[in-house]
Each structure stands twice: as structure tokens, then as C-alpha cells.
N, C-alpha and C. Protein backbone atom coordinates (compact mmCIF):
# COMPACT_ATOMS: atom_id res chain seq x y z
N UNK A 1 2.47 -0.95 -4.77
CA UNK A 1 2.27 -1.58 -6.05
C UNK A 1 1.56 -2.91 -5.87
N UNK A 2 2.01 -3.68 -4.92
CA UNK A 2 1.39 -4.99 -4.68
C UNK A 2 -0.04 -4.82 -4.20
N UNK A 3 -0.29 -3.75 -3.45
CA UNK A 3 -1.63 -3.48 -2.95
C UNK A 3 -2.57 -3.21 -4.13
N UNK A 4 -2.09 -2.53 -5.17
CA UNK A 4 -2.90 -2.26 -6.35
C UNK A 4 -3.27 -3.57 -7.05
N UNK A 5 -2.34 -4.49 -7.11
CA UNK A 5 -2.63 -5.78 -7.75
C UNK A 5 -3.69 -6.54 -6.96
N UNK A 6 -3.59 -6.49 -5.66
CA UNK A 6 -4.58 -7.21 -4.84
C UNK A 6 -5.98 -6.66 -5.08
N UNK A 7 -6.07 -5.33 -5.13
CA UNK A 7 -7.39 -4.72 -5.34
C UNK A 7 -7.90 -5.07 -6.73
N UNK A 8 -7.03 -5.05 -7.73
CA UNK A 8 -7.43 -5.40 -9.09
C UNK A 8 -7.92 -6.85 -9.15
N UNK A 9 -7.17 -7.74 -8.53
CA UNK A 9 -7.57 -9.15 -8.52
C UNK A 9 -8.87 -9.34 -7.76
N UNK A 10 -9.04 -8.59 -6.69
CA UNK A 10 -10.29 -8.68 -5.92
C UNK A 10 -11.46 -8.27 -6.80
N UNK A 11 -11.32 -7.15 -7.49
CA UNK A 11 -12.41 -6.66 -8.34
C UNK A 11 -12.68 -7.62 -9.49
N UNK A 12 -11.63 -8.16 -10.09
CA UNK A 12 -11.79 -9.14 -11.16
C UNK A 12 -12.52 -10.38 -10.64
N UNK A 13 -12.10 -10.89 -9.50
CA UNK A 13 -12.76 -12.05 -8.90
C UNK A 13 -14.21 -11.77 -8.56
N UNK A 14 -14.45 -10.58 -8.07
CA UNK A 14 -15.82 -10.19 -7.73
C UNK A 14 -16.69 -10.18 -8.99
N UNK A 15 -16.16 -9.60 -10.06
CA UNK A 15 -16.92 -9.55 -11.32
C UNK A 15 -17.21 -10.93 -11.88
N UNK A 16 -16.20 -11.79 -11.87
CA UNK A 16 -16.39 -13.15 -12.37
C UNK A 16 -17.40 -13.90 -11.49
N UNK A 17 -17.26 -13.72 -10.19
CA UNK A 17 -18.19 -14.38 -9.28
C UNK A 17 -19.63 -13.93 -9.48
N UNK A 18 -19.80 -12.66 -9.70
CA UNK A 18 -21.15 -12.13 -9.95
C UNK A 18 -21.70 -12.70 -11.25
N UNK A 19 -20.88 -12.71 -12.29
CA UNK A 19 -21.34 -13.23 -13.58
C UNK A 19 -21.74 -14.70 -13.48
N UNK A 20 -20.91 -15.50 -12.85
CA UNK A 20 -21.22 -16.92 -12.69
C UNK A 20 -22.45 -17.09 -11.81
N UNK A 21 -22.53 -16.28 -10.77
CA UNK A 21 -23.69 -16.36 -9.89
C UNK A 21 -24.99 -16.05 -10.60
N UNK A 22 -24.95 -15.08 -11.48
CA UNK A 22 -26.17 -14.71 -12.21
C UNK A 22 -26.58 -15.84 -13.15
N UNK A 23 -25.60 -16.45 -13.81
CA UNK A 23 -25.90 -17.52 -14.75
C UNK A 23 -26.51 -18.74 -14.08
N UNK A 24 -26.04 -19.05 -12.88
CA UNK A 24 -26.48 -20.28 -12.23
C UNK A 24 -27.39 -20.05 -11.04
N UNK A 25 -27.84 -18.84 -10.85
CA UNK A 25 -28.65 -18.51 -9.67
C UNK A 25 -30.07 -19.05 -9.81
N UNK A 26 -30.55 -19.75 -8.78
CA UNK A 26 -31.92 -20.24 -8.81
C UNK A 26 -32.89 -19.19 -8.22
N UNK A 27 -32.47 -17.94 -8.16
CA UNK A 27 -33.29 -16.90 -7.53
C UNK A 27 -34.01 -16.10 -8.61
N UNK A 28 -35.02 -15.37 -8.15
CA UNK A 28 -35.76 -14.52 -9.06
C UNK A 28 -34.94 -13.29 -9.42
N UNK A 29 -35.39 -12.54 -10.38
CA UNK A 29 -34.68 -11.34 -10.82
C UNK A 29 -34.53 -10.32 -9.70
N UNK A 30 -35.61 -10.11 -8.93
CA UNK A 30 -35.56 -9.13 -7.83
C UNK A 30 -34.56 -9.57 -6.76
N UNK A 31 -34.58 -10.84 -6.41
CA UNK A 31 -33.64 -11.35 -5.41
C UNK A 31 -32.19 -11.21 -5.90
N UNK A 32 -32.00 -11.49 -7.19
CA UNK A 32 -30.66 -11.39 -7.76
C UNK A 32 -30.18 -9.94 -7.75
N UNK A 33 -31.05 -9.01 -8.13
CA UNK A 33 -30.67 -7.60 -8.11
C UNK A 33 -30.34 -7.15 -6.69
N UNK A 34 -31.12 -7.61 -5.75
CA UNK A 34 -30.86 -7.25 -4.34
C UNK A 34 -29.50 -7.82 -3.89
N UNK A 35 -29.23 -9.04 -4.27
CA UNK A 35 -27.94 -9.65 -3.95
C UNK A 35 -26.79 -8.87 -4.58
N UNK A 36 -26.97 -8.48 -5.83
CA UNK A 36 -25.93 -7.71 -6.51
C UNK A 36 -25.70 -6.37 -5.82
N UNK A 37 -26.78 -5.71 -5.40
CA UNK A 37 -26.63 -4.44 -4.69
C UNK A 37 -25.86 -4.63 -3.39
N UNK A 38 -26.20 -5.68 -2.65
CA UNK A 38 -25.53 -5.90 -1.37
C UNK A 38 -24.04 -6.22 -1.58
N UNK A 39 -23.74 -7.00 -2.61
CA UNK A 39 -22.33 -7.33 -2.89
C UNK A 39 -21.58 -6.08 -3.36
N UNK A 40 -22.23 -5.24 -4.14
CA UNK A 40 -21.60 -4.00 -4.58
C UNK A 40 -21.33 -3.10 -3.38
N UNK A 41 -22.26 -3.04 -2.44
CA UNK A 41 -22.05 -2.25 -1.23
C UNK A 41 -20.90 -2.80 -0.40
N UNK A 42 -20.83 -4.13 -0.30
CA UNK A 42 -19.72 -4.75 0.43
C UNK A 42 -18.39 -4.41 -0.23
N UNK A 43 -18.36 -4.44 -1.55
CA UNK A 43 -17.13 -4.12 -2.28
C UNK A 43 -16.75 -2.67 -2.07
N UNK A 44 -17.74 -1.80 -2.10
CA UNK A 44 -17.48 -0.38 -1.89
C UNK A 44 -16.91 -0.15 -0.49
N UNK A 45 -17.49 -0.81 0.51
CA UNK A 45 -16.99 -0.68 1.87
C UNK A 45 -15.56 -1.23 1.99
N UNK A 46 -15.30 -2.34 1.33
CA UNK A 46 -13.97 -2.94 1.34
C UNK A 46 -12.95 -1.96 0.74
N UNK A 47 -13.30 -1.36 -0.40
CA UNK A 47 -12.38 -0.43 -1.05
C UNK A 47 -12.16 0.82 -0.21
N UNK A 48 -13.20 1.30 0.45
CA UNK A 48 -13.05 2.45 1.33
C UNK A 48 -12.09 2.12 2.47
N UNK A 49 -12.27 0.94 3.07
CA UNK A 49 -11.41 0.51 4.17
C UNK A 49 -9.96 0.41 3.71
N UNK A 50 -9.75 -0.16 2.54
CA UNK A 50 -8.38 -0.31 2.03
C UNK A 50 -7.77 1.05 1.72
N UNK A 51 -8.57 1.98 1.21
CA UNK A 51 -8.02 3.31 0.92
C UNK A 51 -7.64 4.03 2.21
N UNK A 52 -8.42 3.85 3.27
CA UNK A 52 -8.08 4.46 4.56
C UNK A 52 -6.80 3.84 5.11
N UNK A 53 -6.70 2.52 5.01
CA UNK A 53 -5.49 1.84 5.47
C UNK A 53 -4.27 2.30 4.68
N UNK A 54 -4.44 2.46 3.38
CA UNK A 54 -3.33 2.91 2.54
C UNK A 54 -2.92 4.32 2.90
N UNK A 55 -3.90 5.18 3.15
CA UNK A 55 -3.59 6.56 3.55
C UNK A 55 -2.85 6.56 4.88
N UNK A 56 -3.33 5.76 5.84
CA UNK A 56 -2.66 5.69 7.14
C UNK A 56 -1.23 5.20 6.99
N UNK A 57 -1.02 4.22 6.13
CA UNK A 57 0.33 3.71 5.90
C UNK A 57 1.22 4.79 5.29
N UNK A 58 0.66 5.55 4.37
CA UNK A 58 1.43 6.62 3.73
C UNK A 58 1.81 7.70 4.75
N UNK A 59 0.87 8.05 5.61
CA UNK A 59 1.15 9.06 6.63
C UNK A 59 2.22 8.55 7.58
N UNK A 60 2.10 7.30 7.99
CA UNK A 60 3.09 6.71 8.90
C UNK A 60 4.48 6.68 8.24
N UNK A 61 4.53 6.30 6.98
CA UNK A 61 5.80 6.27 6.25
C UNK A 61 6.38 7.67 6.13
N UNK A 62 5.55 8.65 5.87
CA UNK A 62 6.03 10.03 5.77
C UNK A 62 6.59 10.50 7.10
N UNK A 63 5.91 10.16 8.19
CA UNK A 63 6.40 10.55 9.52
C UNK A 63 7.76 9.90 9.82
N UNK A 64 7.88 8.63 9.50
CA UNK A 64 9.15 7.94 9.72
C UNK A 64 10.26 8.56 8.87
N UNK A 65 9.92 8.92 7.65
CA UNK A 65 10.91 9.54 6.77
C UNK A 65 11.36 10.89 7.31
N UNK A 66 10.43 11.66 7.83
CA UNK A 66 10.77 12.95 8.42
C UNK A 66 11.71 12.77 9.61
N UNK A 67 11.41 11.79 10.46
CA UNK A 67 12.28 11.54 11.61
C UNK A 67 13.67 11.11 11.17
N UNK A 68 13.74 10.24 10.19
CA UNK A 68 15.04 9.78 9.70
C UNK A 68 15.82 10.94 9.09
N UNK A 69 15.15 11.79 8.35
CA UNK A 69 15.81 12.96 7.76
C UNK A 69 16.31 13.91 8.84
N UNK A 70 15.51 14.11 9.87
CA UNK A 70 15.92 14.98 10.98
C UNK A 70 17.16 14.42 11.68
N UNK A 71 17.17 13.09 11.91
CA UNK A 71 18.33 12.46 12.53
C UNK A 71 19.58 12.63 11.66
N UNK A 72 19.42 12.48 10.36
CA UNK A 72 20.55 12.64 9.45
C UNK A 72 21.07 14.07 9.47
N UNK A 73 20.16 15.04 9.52
CA UNK A 73 20.57 16.44 9.61
C UNK A 73 21.36 16.69 10.89
N UNK A 74 20.86 16.14 12.00
CA UNK A 74 21.55 16.32 13.28
C UNK A 74 22.93 15.68 13.26
N UNK A 75 23.03 14.49 12.70
CA UNK A 75 24.33 13.82 12.62
C UNK A 75 25.30 14.58 11.72
N UNK A 76 24.80 15.11 10.62
CA UNK A 76 25.65 15.89 9.73
C UNK A 76 26.12 17.17 10.42
N UNK A 77 25.21 17.83 11.12
CA UNK A 77 25.59 19.05 11.84
C UNK A 77 26.64 18.73 12.91
N UNK A 78 26.46 17.62 13.61
CA UNK A 78 27.44 17.23 14.64
C UNK A 78 28.79 16.92 14.00
N UNK A 79 28.79 16.27 12.86
CA UNK A 79 30.04 15.95 12.17
C UNK A 79 30.74 17.22 11.71
N UNK A 80 29.98 18.17 11.18
CA UNK A 80 30.57 19.43 10.74
C UNK A 80 31.16 20.17 11.94
N UNK A 81 30.41 20.22 13.04
CA UNK A 81 30.93 20.88 14.24
C UNK A 81 32.20 20.21 14.75
N UNK A 82 32.21 18.89 14.74
CA UNK A 82 33.41 18.16 15.19
C UNK A 82 34.58 18.46 14.26
N UNK A 83 34.32 18.56 12.97
CA UNK A 83 35.38 18.88 12.01
C UNK A 83 35.92 20.29 12.25
N UNK A 84 35.03 21.23 12.48
CA UNK A 84 35.47 22.60 12.77
C UNK A 84 36.32 22.65 14.04
N UNK A 85 35.84 21.93 15.06
CA UNK A 85 36.57 21.91 16.33
C UNK A 85 37.95 21.29 16.15
N UNK A 86 38.02 20.20 15.41
CA UNK A 86 39.31 19.55 15.16
C UNK A 86 40.23 20.48 14.38
N UNK A 87 39.69 21.20 13.42
CA UNK A 87 40.48 22.15 12.64
C UNK A 87 41.03 23.26 13.54
N UNK A 88 40.16 23.81 14.39
CA UNK A 88 40.59 24.87 15.31
C UNK A 88 41.68 24.37 16.25
N UNK A 89 41.50 23.16 16.76
CA UNK A 89 42.51 22.58 17.66
C UNK A 89 43.82 22.36 16.91
N UNK A 90 43.73 21.93 15.66
CA UNK A 90 44.92 21.70 14.86
C UNK A 90 45.67 23.01 14.63
N UNK A 91 44.95 24.05 14.32
CA UNK A 91 45.58 25.36 14.10
C UNK A 91 46.20 25.87 15.40
N UNK A 92 45.48 25.71 16.50
CA UNK A 92 46.01 26.16 17.80
C UNK A 92 47.26 25.37 18.16
N UNK A 93 47.26 24.07 17.94
CA UNK A 93 48.42 23.24 18.24
C UNK A 93 49.60 23.63 17.35
N UNK A 94 49.34 23.85 16.06
CA UNK A 94 50.40 24.25 15.13
C UNK A 94 50.98 25.60 15.54
N UNK A 95 50.12 26.53 15.91
CA UNK A 95 50.60 27.86 16.32
C UNK A 95 51.43 27.76 17.60
N UNK A 96 51.04 26.92 18.52
CA UNK A 96 51.78 26.73 19.77
C UNK A 96 53.12 26.08 19.49
N UNK A 97 53.15 25.12 18.58
CA UNK A 97 54.39 24.46 18.23
C UNK A 97 55.36 25.44 17.58
N UNK A 98 54.84 26.30 16.68
CA UNK A 98 55.69 27.28 16.01
C UNK A 98 56.21 28.31 16.98
N UNK A 99 55.40 28.71 17.97
CA UNK A 99 55.83 29.70 18.95
C UNK A 99 56.89 29.09 19.87
N UNK A 100 56.77 27.81 20.18
CA UNK A 100 57.71 27.13 21.06
C UNK A 100 59.02 26.79 20.35
N UNK A 101 59.02 26.74 19.07
CA UNK A 101 60.21 26.35 18.32
C UNK A 101 61.17 27.45 18.11
């Protein structure tokens, strides 16, 4: 969410900067258009880079989540097995006590 705000603010700042630059630019129309094209290309490259970084972060987060889920499954399975074993031991102990009594 915060990443979206940064990109929005970047684009807003870029637009304002371009507008102010055009108003006060001492350059010719062709030079100004060329400058605008280069800045637009820079912005496009920046956004592509950020989208790749965001995708990589999402993939990394998904991988970490999968590992955490797998660990939780293993711990739950171990707890269930321990509970079954304790139950079996309890029944065996109770049966032995009743037979001895």
C-alpha cells in the first residue's frame, strides 16, 4: 500500500515538474519535446524497475508463507501423533492396572 503511494507521489511530482519546466524553460520547442521524451522514458524505466521489485517481493513473501505453512503442518502432525501415542499409553496403563487389581 505504501509502495502505491510512493509511485503516485512520484508521478504527481514528475507531472508538476514537467509543467513548471515547460513554463520556465529557456529552450526551444524541439529541445523541450526531446527533454520531455527522455524524462518520460526515465519514468517508464523507473516504473518497470519498481514493478519487477514488487513482483520479486511478492514471490519471496509467498515462498516464506509456504515454508511457514509447511512448518505449521508438520508441528500439528507431530502434536496429533504425540496425542495419539499418549492416549495409547494411557489405555495400556489403565488396562494393566485393571488386570493387576
